[in-house]
């Protein structure tokens, strides 16, 4: 389980960064999101939820991180990526900006969580 958590850490850093970059490019070019971008953003969210779930399983099995900040950064990354579901406006363009921005913040926090592991 520990090796799965460690492997998933690379995906949790890379996929949200890629999704945020793609969302930013689509928003900057004033394009429509298309089919693949919402799926990429949802994949980033799913990976973060899975990573936190694995982390909680490791925590219940008495595995502890070297620094307690690891838990805070992981929790904040999850909250960041899920927050647009509650606060994003209905306008599709602004909604894309919210989801892309929140995913970028989540990628940065996941990177920081990786550094404190």
PDB file of N, CA and C in Angstrom:
ATOM      1  N   UNK A   1       0.825  -1.181   0.000  1.00  0.00           N
ATOM      2  CA  UNK A   1       0.000   0.000   0.000  1.00  0.00           C
ATOM      3  C   UNK A   1       0.877   1.254   0.000  1.00  0.00           C
ATOM      4  N   UNK A   2       1.985   1.174   0.704  1.00  0.00           N
ATOM      5  CA  UNK A   2       2.888   2.316   0.759  1.00  0.00           C
ATOM      6  C   UNK A   2       3.473   2.617  -0.617  1.00  0.00           C
ATOM      7  N   UNK A   3       3.804   1.575  -1.369  1.00  0.00           N
ATOM      8  CA  UNK A   3       4.358   1.803  -2.707  1.00  0.00           C
ATOM      9  C   UNK A   3       3.291   2.352  -3.659  1.00  0.00           C
ATOM     10  N   UNK A   4       2.038   1.954  -3.487  1.00  0.00           N
ATOM     11  CA  UNK A   4       0.953   2.508  -4.306  1.00  0.00           C
ATOM     12  C   UNK A   4       0.752   3.986  -3.998  1.00  0.00           C
ATOM     13  N   UNK A   5       0.848   4.348  -2.724  1.00  0.00           N
ATOM     14  CA  UNK A   5       0.724   5.744  -2.315  1.00  0.00           C
ATOM     15  C   UNK A   5       1.878   6.568  -2.890  1.00  0.00           C
ATOM     16  N   UNK A   6       3.063   5.996  -2.890  1.00  0.00           N
ATOM     17  CA  UNK A   6       4.232   6.690  -3.431  1.00  0.00           C
ATOM     18  C   UNK A   6       4.134   6.836  -4.944  1.00  0.00           C
ATOM     19  N   UNK A   7       3.669   5.794  -5.647  1.00  0.00           N
ATOM     20  CA  UNK A   7       3.519   5.869  -7.097  1.00  0.00           C
ATOM     21  C   UNK A   7       2.430   6.866  -7.485  1.00  0.00           C
ATOM     22  N   UNK A   8       1.330   6.826  -6.768  1.00  0.00           N
ATOM     23  CA  UNK A   8       0.218   7.723  -7.061  1.00  0.00           C
ATOM     24  C   UNK A   8       0.601   9.182  -6.825  1.00  0.00           C
ATOM     25  N   UNK A   9       1.599   9.404  -5.989  1.00  0.00           N
ATOM     26  CA  UNK A   9       2.049  10.776  -5.718  1.00  0.00           C
ATOM     27  C   UNK A   9       2.541  11.460  -6.991  1.00  0.00           C
ATOM     28  N   UNK A  10       3.224  10.713  -7.848  1.00  0.00           N
ATOM     29  CA  UNK A  10       3.686  11.296  -9.109  1.00  0.00           C
ATOM     30  C   UNK A  10       2.511  11.701  -9.996  1.00  0.00           C
ATOM     31  N   UNK A  11       1.505  10.856 -10.048  1.00  0.00           N
ATOM     32  CA  UNK A  11       0.325  11.183 -10.848  1.00  0.00           C
ATOM     33  C   UNK A  11      -0.445  12.348 -10.257  1.00  0.00           C
ATOM     34  N   UNK A  12      -0.497  12.419  -8.931  1.00  0.00           N
ATOM     35  CA  UNK A  12      -1.238  13.488  -8.252  1.00  0.00           C
ATOM     36  C   UNK A  12      -0.557  14.837  -8.441  1.00  0.00           C
ATOM     37  N   UNK A  13       0.718  14.838  -8.684  1.00  0.00           N
ATOM     38  CA  UNK A  13       1.418  16.095  -8.973  1.00  0.00           C
ATOM     39  C   UNK A  13       1.320  16.433 -10.459  1.00  0.00           C
ATOM     40  N   UNK A  14       1.490  15.436 -11.323  1.00  0.00           N
ATOM     41  CA  UNK A  14       1.555  15.685 -12.759  1.00  0.00           C
ATOM     42  C   UNK A  14       0.228  15.932 -13.435  1.00  0.00           C
ATOM     43  N   UNK A  15      -0.773  15.111 -13.152  1.00  0.00           N
ATOM     44  CA  UNK A  15      -2.060  15.231 -13.839  1.00  0.00           C
ATOM     45  C   UNK A  15      -2.763  16.548 -13.508  1.00  0.00           C
ATOM     46  N   UNK A  16      -2.847  16.968 -12.242  1.00  0.00           N
ATOM     47  CA  UNK A  16      -3.470  18.269 -11.988  1.00  0.00           C
ATOM     48  C   UNK A  16      -2.712  19.440 -12.621  1.00  0.00           C
ATOM     49  N   UNK A  17      -1.398  19.344 -12.652  1.00  0.00           N
ATOM     50  CA  UNK A  17      -0.626  20.408 -13.302  1.00  0.00           C
ATOM     51  C   UNK A  17      -0.933  20.461 -14.791  1.00  0.00           C
ATOM     52  N   UNK A  18      -1.008  19.303 -15.415  1.00  0.00           N
ATOM     53  CA  UNK A  18      -1.353  19.240 -16.832  1.00  0.00           C
ATOM     54  C   UNK A  18      -2.782  19.733 -17.082  1.00  0.00           C
ATOM     55  N   UNK A  19      -3.702  19.338 -16.224  1.00  0.00           N
ATOM     56  CA  UNK A  19      -5.096  19.765 -16.369  1.00  0.00           C
ATOM     57  C   UNK A  19      -5.230  21.271 -16.193  1.00  0.00           C
ATOM     58  N   UNK A  20      -4.529  21.829 -15.225  1.00  0.00           N
ATOM     59  CA  UNK A  20      -4.582  23.274 -15.006  1.00  0.00           C
ATOM     60  C   UNK A  20      -3.962  24.024 -16.175  1.00  0.00           C
ATOM     61  N   UNK A  21      -2.869  23.510 -16.706  1.00  0.00           N
ATOM     62  CA  UNK A  21      -2.240  24.127 -17.868  1.00  0.00           C
ATOM     63  C   UNK A  21      -3.173  24.092 -19.075  1.00  0.00           C
ATOM     64  N   UNK A  22      -3.779  22.939 -19.328  1.00  0.00           N
ATOM     65  CA  UNK A  22      -4.703  22.810 -20.459  1.00  0.00           C
ATOM     66  C   UNK A  22      -5.913  23.728 -20.268  1.00  0.00           C
ATOM     67  N   UNK A  23      -6.449  23.779 -19.061  1.00  0.00           N
ATOM     68  CA  UNK A  23      -7.580  24.660 -18.787  1.00  0.00           C
ATOM     69  C   UNK A  23      -7.216  26.119 -18.947  1.00  0.00           C
ATOM     70  N   UNK A  24      -6.028  26.485 -18.513  1.00  0.00           N
ATOM     71  CA  UNK A  24      -5.575  27.860 -18.675  1.00  0.00           C
ATOM     72  C   UNK A  24      -5.397  28.244 -20.135  1.00  0.00           C
ATOM     73  N   UNK A  25      -4.874  27.329 -20.921  1.00  0.00           N
ATOM     74  CA  UNK A  25      -4.696  27.606 -22.351  1.00  0.00           C
ATOM     75  C   UNK A  25      -6.046  27.759 -23.037  1.00  0.00           C
ATOM     76  N   UNK A  26      -6.979  26.871 -22.737  1.00  0.00           N
ATOM     77  CA  UNK A  26      -8.311  26.962 -23.338  1.00  0.00           C
ATOM     78  C   UNK A  26      -8.992  28.259 -22.923  1.00  0.00           C
ATOM     79  N   UNK A  27      -8.865  28.620 -21.651  1.00  0.00           N
ATOM     80  CA  UNK A  27      -9.477  29.858 -21.176  1.00  0.00           C
ATOM     81  C   UNK A  27      -8.815  31.080 -21.813  1.00  0.00           C
ATOM     82  N   UNK A  28      -7.503  31.070 -21.891  1.00  0.00           N
ATOM     83  CA  UNK A  28      -6.764  32.208 -22.441  1.00  0.00           C
ATOM     84  C   UNK A  28      -7.081  32.405 -23.916  1.00  0.00           C
ATOM     85  N   UNK A  29      -7.249  31.311 -24.645  1.00  0.00           N
ATOM     86  CA  UNK A  29      -7.557  31.398 -26.072  1.00  0.00           C
ATOM     87  C   UNK A  29      -9.045  31.642 -26.346  1.00  0.00           C
ATOM     88  N   UNK A  30      -9.817  31.726 -25.284  1.00  0.00           N
ATOM     89  CA  UNK A  30     -11.266  31.958 -25.385  1.00  0.00           C
ATOM     90  C   UNK A  30     -11.958  30.882 -26.215  1.00  0.00           C
ATOM     91  N   UNK A  31     -11.579  29.653 -25.982  1.00  0.00           N
ATOM     92  CA  UNK A  31     -12.155  28.506 -26.684  1.00  0.00           C
ATOM     93  C   UNK A  31     -13.188  27.811 -25.796  1.00  0.00           C
ATOM     94  N   UNK A  32     -13.873  26.853 -26.385  1.00  0.00           N
ATOM     95  CA  UNK A  32     -14.795  26.002 -25.642  1.00  0.00           C
ATOM     96  C   UNK A  32     -13.989  24.835 -25.073  1.00  0.00           C
ATOM     97  N   UNK A  33     -14.365  24.377 -23.897  1.00  0.00           N
ATOM     98  CA  UNK A  33     -13.586  23.350 -23.208  1.00  0.00           C
ATOM     99  C   UNK A  33     -13.489  22.046 -23.992  1.00  0.00           C
ATOM    100  N   UNK A  34     -14.461  21.692 -24.758  1.00  0.00           N
ATOM    101  CA  UNK A  34     -14.407  20.442 -25.504  1.00  0.00           C
ATOM    102  C   UNK A  34     -14.730  19.246 -24.628  1.00  0.00           C
ATOM    103  N   UNK A  35     -14.435  18.058 -25.145  1.00  0.00           N
ATOM    104  CA  UNK A  35     -14.766  16.838 -24.406  1.00  0.00           C
ATOM    105  C   UNK A  35     -13.672  16.384 -23.458  1.00  0.00           C
ATOM    106  N   UNK A  36     -12.429  16.568 -23.836  1.00  0.00           N
ATOM    107  CA  UNK A  36     -11.326  15.980 -23.075  1.00  0.00           C
ATOM    108  C   UNK A  36     -10.965  16.764 -21.822  1.00  0.00           C
ATOM    109  N   UNK A  37     -11.135  18.069 -21.837  1.00  0.00           N
ATOM    110  CA  UNK A  37     -10.716  18.878 -20.683  1.00  0.00           C
ATOM    111  C   UNK A  37     -11.529  18.591 -19.419  1.00  0.00           C
ATOM    112  N   UNK A  38     -12.859  18.509 -19.484  1.00  0.00           N
ATOM    113  CA  UNK A  38     -13.589  18.136 -18.261  1.00  0.00           C
ATOM    114  C   UNK A  38     -13.183  16.765 -17.721  1.00  0.00           C
ATOM    115  N   UNK A  39     -12.871  15.849 -18.624  1.00  0.00           N
ATOM    116  CA  UNK A  39     -12.432  14.524 -18.177  1.00  0.00           C
ATOM    117  C   UNK A  39     -11.063  14.597 -17.505  1.00  0.00           C
ATOM    118  N   UNK A  40     -10.196  15.426 -18.026  1.00  0.00           N
ATOM    119  CA  UNK A  40      -8.873  15.592 -17.427  1.00  0.00           C
ATOM    120  C   UNK A  40      -8.973  16.237 -16.041  1.00  0.00           C
ATOM    121  N   UNK A  41      -9.835  17.229 -15.915  1.00  0.00           N
ATOM    122  CA  UNK A  41     -10.050  17.858 -14.608  1.00  0.00           C
ATOM    123  C   UNK A  41     -10.670  16.864 -13.627  1.00  0.00           C
ATOM    124  N   UNK A  42     -11.601  16.049 -14.096  1.00  0.00           N
ATOM    125  CA  UNK A  42     -12.213  15.040 -13.229  1.00  0.00           C
ATOM    126  C   UNK A  42     -11.199  13.966 -12.839  1.00  0.00           C
ATOM    127  N   UNK A  43     -10.295  13.620 -13.757  1.00  0.00           N
ATOM    128  CA  UNK A  43      -9.243  12.664 -13.427  1.00  0.00           C
ATOM    129  C   UNK A  43      -8.337  13.211 -12.327  1.00  0.00           C
ATOM    130  N   UNK A  44      -8.003  14.487 -12.412  1.00  0.00           N
ATOM    131  CA  UNK A  44      -7.179  15.107 -11.370  1.00  0.00           C
ATOM    132  C   UNK A  44      -7.881  15.038 -10.018  1.00  0.00           C
ATOM    133  N   UNK A  45      -9.175  15.313 -10.000  1.00  0.00           N
ATOM    134  CA  UNK A  45      -9.930  15.234  -8.753  1.00  0.00           C
ATOM    135  C   UNK A  45      -9.978  13.805  -8.225  1.00  0.00           C
ATOM    136  N   UNK A  46     -10.202  12.857  -9.118  1.00  0.00           N
ATOM    137  CA  UNK A  46     -10.286  11.451  -8.715  1.00  0.00           C
ATOM    138  C   UNK A  46      -8.964  10.955  -8.148  1.00  0.00           C
ATOM    139  N   UNK A  47      -7.863  11.347  -8.778  1.00  0.00           N
ATOM    140  CA  UNK A  47      -6.551  10.938  -8.275  1.00  0.00           C
ATOM    141  C   UNK A  47      -6.281  11.508  -6.890  1.00  0.00           C
ATOM    142  N   UNK A  48      -6.682  12.754  -6.663  1.00  0.00           N
ATOM    143  CA  UNK A  48      -6.481  13.348  -5.340  1.00  0.00           C
ATOM    144  C   UNK A  48      -7.331  12.653  -4.282  1.00  0.00           C
ATOM    145  N   UNK A  49      -8.561  12.324  -4.616  1.00  0.00           N
ATOM    146  CA  UNK A  49      -9.421  11.604  -3.670  1.00  0.00           C
ATOM    147  C   UNK A  49      -8.826  10.230  -3.367  1.00  0.00           C
ATOM    148  N   UNK A  50      -8.353   9.535  -4.392  1.00  0.00           N
ATOM    149  CA  UNK A  50      -7.742   8.218  -4.194  1.00  0.00           C
ATOM    150  C   UNK A  50      -6.478   8.315  -3.343  1.00  0.00           C
ATOM    151  N   UNK A  51      -5.684   9.347  -3.579  1.00  0.00           N
ATOM    152  CA  UNK A  51      -4.443   9.520  -2.809  1.00  0.00           C
ATOM    153  C   UNK A  51      -4.746   9.773  -1.335  1.00  0.00           C
ATOM    154  N   UNK A  52      -5.728  10.604  -1.072  1.00  0.00           N
ATOM    155  CA  UNK A  52      -6.107  10.862   0.324  1.00  0.00           C
ATOM    156  C   UNK A  52      -6.677   9.598   0.952  1.00  0.00           C
ATOM    157  N   UNK A  53      -7.465   8.847   0.178  1.00  0.00           N
ATOM    158  CA  UNK A  53      -7.995   7.584   0.694  1.00  0.00           C
ATOM    159  C   UNK A  53      -6.888   6.595   1.047  1.00  0.00           C
ATOM    160  N   UNK A  54      -5.904   6.461   0.170  1.00  0.00           N
ATOM    161  CA  UNK A  54      -4.763   5.592   0.481  1.00  0.00           C
ATOM    162  C   UNK A  54      -3.991   6.103   1.692  1.00  0.00           C
ATOM    163  N   UNK A  55      -3.856   7.417   1.772  1.00  0.00           N
ATOM    164  CA  UNK A  55      -3.170   7.989   2.931  1.00  0.00           C
ATOM    165  C   UNK A  55      -3.896   7.697   4.229  1.00  0.00           C
ATOM    166  N   UNK A  56      -5.217   7.757   4.201  1.00  0.00           N
ATOM    167  CA  UNK A  56      -5.984   7.433   5.406  1.00  0.00           C
ATOM    168  C   UNK A  56      -5.866   5.953   5.758  1.00  0.00           C
ATOM    169  N   UNK A  57      -5.816   5.097   4.740  1.00  0.00           N
ATOM    170  CA  UNK A  57      -5.604   3.670   5.012  1.00  0.00           C
ATOM    171  C   UNK A  57      -4.224   3.423   5.625  1.00  0.00           C
ATOM    172  N   UNK A  58      -3.224   4.121   5.115  1.00  0.00           N
ATOM    173  CA  UNK A  58      -1.881   3.990   5.700  1.00  0.00           C
ATOM    174  C   UNK A  58      -1.854   4.521   7.132  1.00  0.00           C
ATOM    175  N   UNK A  59      -2.541   5.600   7.346  1.00  0.00           N
ATOM    176  CA  UNK A  59      -2.602   6.182   8.688  1.00  0.00           C
ATOM    177  C   UNK A  59      -3.295   5.232   9.665  1.00  0.00           C
ATOM    178  N   UNK A  60      -4.332   4.551   9.204  1.00  0.00           N
ATOM    179  CA  UNK A  60      -5.030   3.596  10.072  1.00  0.00           C
ATOM    180  C   UNK A  60      -4.189   2.349  10.337  1.00  0.00           C
ATOM    181  N   UNK A  61      -3.199   2.107   9.477  1.00  0.00           N
ATOM    182  CA  UNK A  61      -2.307   0.962   9.644  1.00  0.00           C
ATOM    183  C   UNK A  61      -1.022   1.351  10.383  1.00  0.00           C
ATOM    184  N   UNK A  62      -1.074   2.484  11.067  1.00  0.00           N
ATOM    185  CA  UNK A  62       0.048   2.960  11.888  1.00  0.00           C
ATOM    186  C   UNK A  62       1.269   3.421  11.099  1.00  0.00           C
ATOM    187  N   UNK A  63       1.123   3.745   9.827  1.00  0.00           N
ATOM    188  CA  UNK A  63       2.202   4.373   9.064  1.00  0.00           C
ATOM    189  C   UNK A  63       2.067   5.877   9.229  1.00  0.00           C
ATOM    190  N   UNK A  64       3.137   6.536   9.559  1.00  0.00           N
ATOM    191  CA  UNK A  64       3.105   7.968   9.778  1.00  0.00           C
ATOM    192  C   UNK A  64       4.078   8.668   8.838  1.00  0.00           C
ATOM    193  N   UNK A  65       3.737   9.871   8.432  1.00  0.00           N
ATOM    194  CA  UNK A  65       4.626  10.681   7.600  1.00  0.00           C
ATOM    195  C   UNK A  65       5.712  11.284   8.473  1.00  0.00           C
ATOM    196  N   UNK A  66       6.811  11.642   7.845  1.00  0.00           N
ATOM    197  CA  UNK A  66       7.937  12.214   8.590  1.00  0.00           C
ATOM    198  C   UNK A  66       7.567  13.571   9.191  1.00  0.00           C
ATOM    199  N   UNK A  67       6.776  14.339   8.471  1.00  0.00           N
ATOM    200  CA  UNK A  67       6.368  15.659   8.943  1.00  0.00           C
ATOM    201  C   UNK A  67       4.850  15.712   9.019  1.00  0.00           C
ATOM    202  N   UNK A  68       4.330  16.357  10.055  1.00  0.00           N
ATOM    203  CA  UNK A  68       2.877  16.475  10.186  1.00  0.00           C
ATOM    204  C   UNK A  68       2.278  17.412   9.148  1.00  0.00           C
ATOM    205  N   UNK A  69       3.099  18.277   8.562  1.00  0.00           N
ATOM    206  CA  UNK A  69       2.599  19.154   7.498  1.00  0.00           C
ATOM    207  C   UNK A  69       2.146  18.371   6.276  1.00  0.00           C
ATOM    208  N   UNK A  70       2.630  17.157   6.117  1.00  0.00           N
ATOM    209  CA  UNK A  70       2.226  16.310   4.997  1.00  0.00           C
ATOM    210  C   UNK A  70       0.704  16.130   4.986  1.00  0.00           C
ATOM    211  N   UNK A  71       0.133  15.932   6.146  1.00  0.00           N
ATOM    212  CA  UNK A  71      -1.314  15.751   6.252  1.00  0.00           C
ATOM    213  C   UNK A  71      -2.056  17.044   5.920  1.00  0.00           C
ATOM    214  N   UNK A  72      -1.524  18.154   6.370  1.00  0.00           N
ATOM    215  CA  UNK A  72      -2.173  19.442   6.103  1.00  0.00           C
ATOM    216  C   UNK A  72      -2.158  19.760   4.614  1.00  0.00           C
ATOM    217  N   UNK A  73      -1.014  19.590   3.977  1.00  0.00           N
ATOM    218  CA  UNK A  73      -0.934  19.883   2.545  1.00  0.00           C
ATOM    219  C   UNK A  73      -1.819  18.946   1.726  1.00  0.00           C
ATOM    220  N   UNK A  74      -1.868  17.683   2.104  1.00  0.00           N
ATOM    221  CA  UNK A  74      -2.741  16.745   1.404  1.00  0.00           C
ATOM    222  C   UNK A  74      -4.215  17.110   1.562  1.00  0.00           C
ATOM    223  N   UNK A  75      -4.600  17.489   2.766  1.00  0.00           N
ATOM    224  CA  UNK A  75      -5.987  17.894   3.009  1.00  0.00           C
ATOM    225  C   UNK A  75      -6.325  19.169   2.264  1.00  0.00           C
ATOM    226  N   UNK A  76      -5.427  20.141   2.281  1.00  0.00           N
ATOM    227  CA  UNK A  76      -5.689  21.399   1.578  1.00  0.00           C
ATOM    228  C   UNK A  76      -5.746  21.199   0.070  1.00  0.00           C
ATOM    229  N   UNK A  77      -4.937  20.281  -0.469  1.00  0.00           N
ATOM    230  CA  UNK A  77      -4.989  19.981  -1.906  1.00  0.00           C
ATOM    231  C   UNK A  77      -6.346  19.397  -2.272  1.00  0.00           C
ATOM    232  N   UNK A  78      -6.833  18.490  -1.440  1.00  0.00           N
ATOM    233  CA  UNK A  78      -8.147  17.902  -1.703  1.00  0.00           C
ATOM    234  C   UNK A  78      -9.245  18.958  -1.602  1.00  0.00           C
ATOM    235  N   UNK A  79      -9.182  19.802  -0.599  1.00  0.00           N
ATOM    236  CA  UNK A  79     -10.191  20.855  -0.452  1.00  0.00           C
ATOM    237  C   UNK A  79     -10.131  21.850  -1.598  1.00  0.00           C
ATOM    238  N   UNK A  80      -8.935  22.140  -2.059  1.00  0.00           N
ATOM    239  CA  UNK A  80      -8.793  23.089  -3.173  1.00  0.00           C
ATOM    240  C   UNK A  80      -9.422  22.554  -4.439  1.00  0.00           C
ATOM    241  N   UNK A  81      -9.200  21.276  -4.734  1.00  0.00           N
ATOM    242  CA  UNK A  81      -9.717  20.729  -5.981  1.00  0.00           C
ATOM    243  C   UNK A  81     -11.228  20.495  -5.916  1.00  0.00           C
ATOM    244  N   UNK A  82     -11.769  20.348  -4.733  1.00  0.00           N
ATOM    245  CA  UNK A  82     -13.208  20.131  -4.603  1.00  0.00           C
ATOM    246  C   UNK A  82     -14.000  21.421  -4.393  1.00  0.00           C
ATOM    247  N   UNK A  83     -13.344  22.501  -4.029  1.00  0.00           N
ATOM    248  CA  UNK A  83     -14.053  23.750  -3.726  1.00  0.00           C
ATOM    249  C   UNK A  83     -14.837  24.344  -4.894  1.00  0.00           C
ATOM    250  N   UNK A  84     -14.397  24.234  -6.158  1.00  0.00           N
ATOM    251  CA  UNK A  84     -15.206  24.808  -7.236  1.00  0.00           C
ATOM    252  C   UNK A  84     -16.592  24.191  -7.365  1.00  0.00           C
ATOM    253  N   UNK A  85     -16.770  22.980  -6.888  1.00  0.00           N
ATOM    254  CA  UNK A  85     -18.094  22.365  -6.953  1.00  0.00           C
ATOM    255  C   UNK A  85     -19.104  23.153  -6.121  1.00  0.00           C
ATOM    256  N   UNK A  86     -18.618  23.889  -5.125  1.00  0.00           N
ATOM    257  CA  UNK A  86     -19.510  24.663  -4.272  1.00  0.00           C
ATOM    258  C   UNK A  86     -19.563  26.139  -4.656  1.00  0.00           C
ATOM    259  N   UNK A  87     -18.474  26.682  -5.185  1.00  0.00           N
ATOM    260  CA  UNK A  87     -18.367  28.121  -5.346  1.00  0.00           C
ATOM    261  C   UNK A  87     -18.279  28.622  -6.781  1.00  0.00           C
ATOM    262  N   UNK A  88     -18.076  27.768  -7.746  1.00  0.00           N
ATOM    263  CA  UNK A  88     -17.889  28.222  -9.129  1.00  0.00           C
ATOM    264  C   UNK A  88     -19.199  28.782  -9.691  1.00  0.00           C
ATOM    265  N   UNK A  89     -19.111  29.868 -10.438  1.00  0.00           N
ATOM    266  CA  UNK A  89     -20.321  30.443 -11.041  1.00  0.00           C
ATOM    267  C   UNK A  89     -20.875  29.541 -12.139  1.00  0.00           C
ATOM    268  N   UNK A  90     -22.082  29.832 -12.573  1.00  0.00           N
ATOM    269  CA  UNK A  90     -22.751  29.005 -13.584  1.00  0.00           C
ATOM    270  C   UNK A  90     -22.235  29.256 -15.004  1.00  0.00           C
ATOM    271  N   UNK A  91     -21.694  30.426 -15.260  1.00  0.00           N
ATOM    272  CA  UNK A  91     -21.173  30.747 -16.590  1.00  0.00           C
ATOM    273  C   UNK A  91     -20.052  29.764 -16.939  1.00  0.00           C
ATOM    274  N   UNK A  92     -20.164  29.062 -18.072  1.00  0.00           N
ATOM    275  CA  UNK A  92     -19.178  28.015 -18.398  1.00  0.00           C
ATOM    276  C   UNK A  92     -17.740  28.517 -18.475  1.00  0.00           C
ATOM    277  N   UNK A  93     -17.541  29.707 -18.980  1.00  0.00           N
ATOM    278  CA  UNK A  93     -16.187  30.238 -19.099  1.00  0.00           C
ATOM    279  C   UNK A  93     -15.578  30.537 -17.732  1.00  0.00           C
ATOM    280  N   UNK A  94     -16.350  31.175 -16.877  1.00  0.00           N
ATOM    281  CA  UNK A  94     -15.863  31.461 -15.523  1.00  0.00           C
ATOM    282  C   UNK A  94     -15.703  30.173 -14.721  1.00  0.00           C
ATOM    283  N   UNK A  95     -16.596  29.228 -14.970  1.00  0.00           N
ATOM    284  CA  UNK A  95     -16.513  27.940 -14.283  1.00  0.00           C
ATOM    285  C   UNK A  95     -15.217  27.215 -14.655  1.00  0.00           C
ATOM    286  N   UNK A  96     -14.840  27.280 -15.933  1.00  0.00           N
ATOM    287  CA  UNK A  96     -13.579  26.692 -16.376  1.00  0.00           C
ATOM    288  C   UNK A  96     -12.398  27.357 -15.670  1.00  0.00           C
ATOM    289  N   UNK A  97     -12.450  28.667 -15.541  1.00  0.00           N
ATOM    290  CA  UNK A  97     -11.374  29.385 -14.848  1.00  0.00           C
ATOM    291  C   UNK A  97     -11.277  28.946 -13.387  1.00  0.00           C
ATOM    292  N   UNK A  98     -12.400  28.784 -12.731  1.00  0.00           N
ATOM    293  CA  UNK A  98     -12.404  28.351 -11.333  1.00  0.00           C
ATOM    294  C   UNK A  98     -11.818  26.945 -11.197  1.00  0.00           C
ATOM    295  N   UNK A  99     -12.295  26.034 -12.028  1.00  0.00           N
ATOM    296  CA  UNK A  99     -11.813  24.657 -11.925  1.00  0.00           C
ATOM    297  C   UNK A  99     -10.330  24.561 -12.281  1.00  0.00           C
ATOM    298  N   UNK A 100      -9.898  25.283 -13.299  1.00  0.00           N
ATOM    299  CA  UNK A 100      -8.480  25.249 -13.678  1.00  0.00           C
ATOM    300  C   UNK A 100      -7.606  25.876 -12.601  1.00  0.00           C
ATOM    301  N   UNK A 101      -8.039  26.996 -12.064  1.00  0.00           N
ATOM    302  CA  UNK A 101      -7.274  27.653 -11.004  1.00  0.00           C
ATOM    303  C   UNK A 101      -7.189  26.810  -9.742  1.00  0.00           C
ATOM    304  N   UNK A 102      -8.303  26.219  -9.364  1.00  0.00           N
ATOM    305  CA  UNK A 102      -8.306  25.369  -8.172  1.00  0.00           C
ATOM    306  C   UNK A 102      -7.440  24.133  -8.379  1.00  0.00           C
ATOM    307  N   UNK A 103      -7.430  23.607  -9.593  1.00  0.00           N
ATOM    308  CA  UNK A 103      -6.590  22.449  -9.891  1.00  0.00           C
ATOM    309  C   UNK A 103      -5.117  22.822  -9.857  1.00  0.00           C
ATOM    310  N   UNK A 104      -4.794  24.033 -10.285  1.00  0.00           N
ATOM    311  CA  UNK A 104      -3.411  24.504 -10.193  1.00  0.00           C
ATOM    312  C   UNK A 104      -2.974  24.636  -8.736  1.00  0.00           C
ATOM    313  N   UNK A 105      -3.836  25.195  -7.906  1.00  0.00           N
ATOM    314  CA  UNK A 105      -3.531  25.306  -6.472  1.00  0.00           C
ATOM    315  C   UNK A 105      -3.363  23.915  -5.866  1.00  0.00           C
ATOM    316  N   UNK A 106      -4.236  22.992  -6.252  1.00  0.00           N
ATOM    317  CA  UNK A 106      -4.130  21.620  -5.739  1.00  0.00           C
ATOM    318  C   UNK A 106      -2.824  20.958  -6.169  1.00  0.00           C
ATOM    319  N   UNK A 107      -2.392  21.217  -7.400  1.00  0.00           N
ATOM    320  CA  UNK A 107      -1.118  20.657  -7.865  1.00  0.00           C
ATOM    321  C   UNK A 107       0.049  21.216  -7.051  1.00  0.00           C
ATOM    322  N   UNK A 108       0.004  22.503  -6.761  1.00  0.00           N
ATOM    323  CA  UNK A 108       1.066  23.112  -5.954  1.00  0.00           C
ATOM    324  C   UNK A 108       1.070  22.540  -4.532  1.00  0.00           C
ATOM    325  N   UNK A 109      -0.100  22.379  -3.955  1.00  0.00           N
ATOM    326  CA  UNK A 109      -0.182  21.813  -2.608  1.00  0.00           C
ATOM    327  C   UNK A 109       0.217  20.337  -2.597  1.00  0.00           C
ATOM    328  N   UNK A 110      -0.124  19.615  -3.648  1.00  0.00           N
ATOM    329  CA  UNK A 110       0.288  18.210  -3.730  1.00  0.00           C
ATOM    330  C   UNK A 110       1.803  18.096  -3.869  1.00  0.00           C
ATOM    331  N   UNK A 111       2.402  19.022  -4.593  1.00  0.00           N
ATOM    332  CA  UNK A 111       3.857  19.053  -4.703  1.00  0.00           C
ATOM    333  C   UNK A 111       4.486  19.286  -3.343  1.00  0.00           C
ATOM    334  N   UNK A 112       3.899  20.200  -2.609  1.00  0.00           N
ATOM    335  CA  UNK A 112       4.417  20.485  -1.264  1.00  0.00           C
ATOM    336  C   UNK A 112       4.210  19.287  -0.335  1.00  0.00           C
ATOM    337  N   UNK A 113       3.089  18.611  -0.460  1.00  0.00           N
ATOM    338  CA  UNK A 113       2.852  17.415   0.347  1.00  0.00           C
ATOM    339  C   UNK A 113       3.879  16.337   0.013  1.00  0.00           C
ATOM    340  N   UNK A 114       4.206  16.212  -1.267  1.00  0.00           N
ATOM    341  CA  UNK A 114       5.221  15.231  -1.691  1.00  0.00           C
ATOM    342  C   UNK A 114       6.573  15.568  -1.067  1.00  0.00           C
ATOM    343  N   UNK A 115       6.872  16.845  -0.989  1.00  0.00           N
ATOM    344  CA  UNK A 115       8.160  17.265  -0.431  1.00  0.00           C
ATOM    345  C   UNK A 115       8.265  17.017   1.070  1.00  0.00           C
ATOM    346  N   UNK A 116       7.134  16.939   1.770  1.00  0.00           N
ATOM    347  CA  UNK A 116       7.168  16.720   3.210  1.00  0.00           C
ATOM    348  C   UNK A 116       6.944  15.266   3.590  1.00  0.00           C
ATOM    349  N   UNK A 117       6.865  14.376   2.593  1.00  0.00           N
ATOM    350  CA  UNK A 117       6.597  12.959   2.890  1.00  0.00           C
ATOM    351  C   UNK A 117       7.795  12.274   3.506  1.00  0.00           C
TER     352      UNK A 117
END
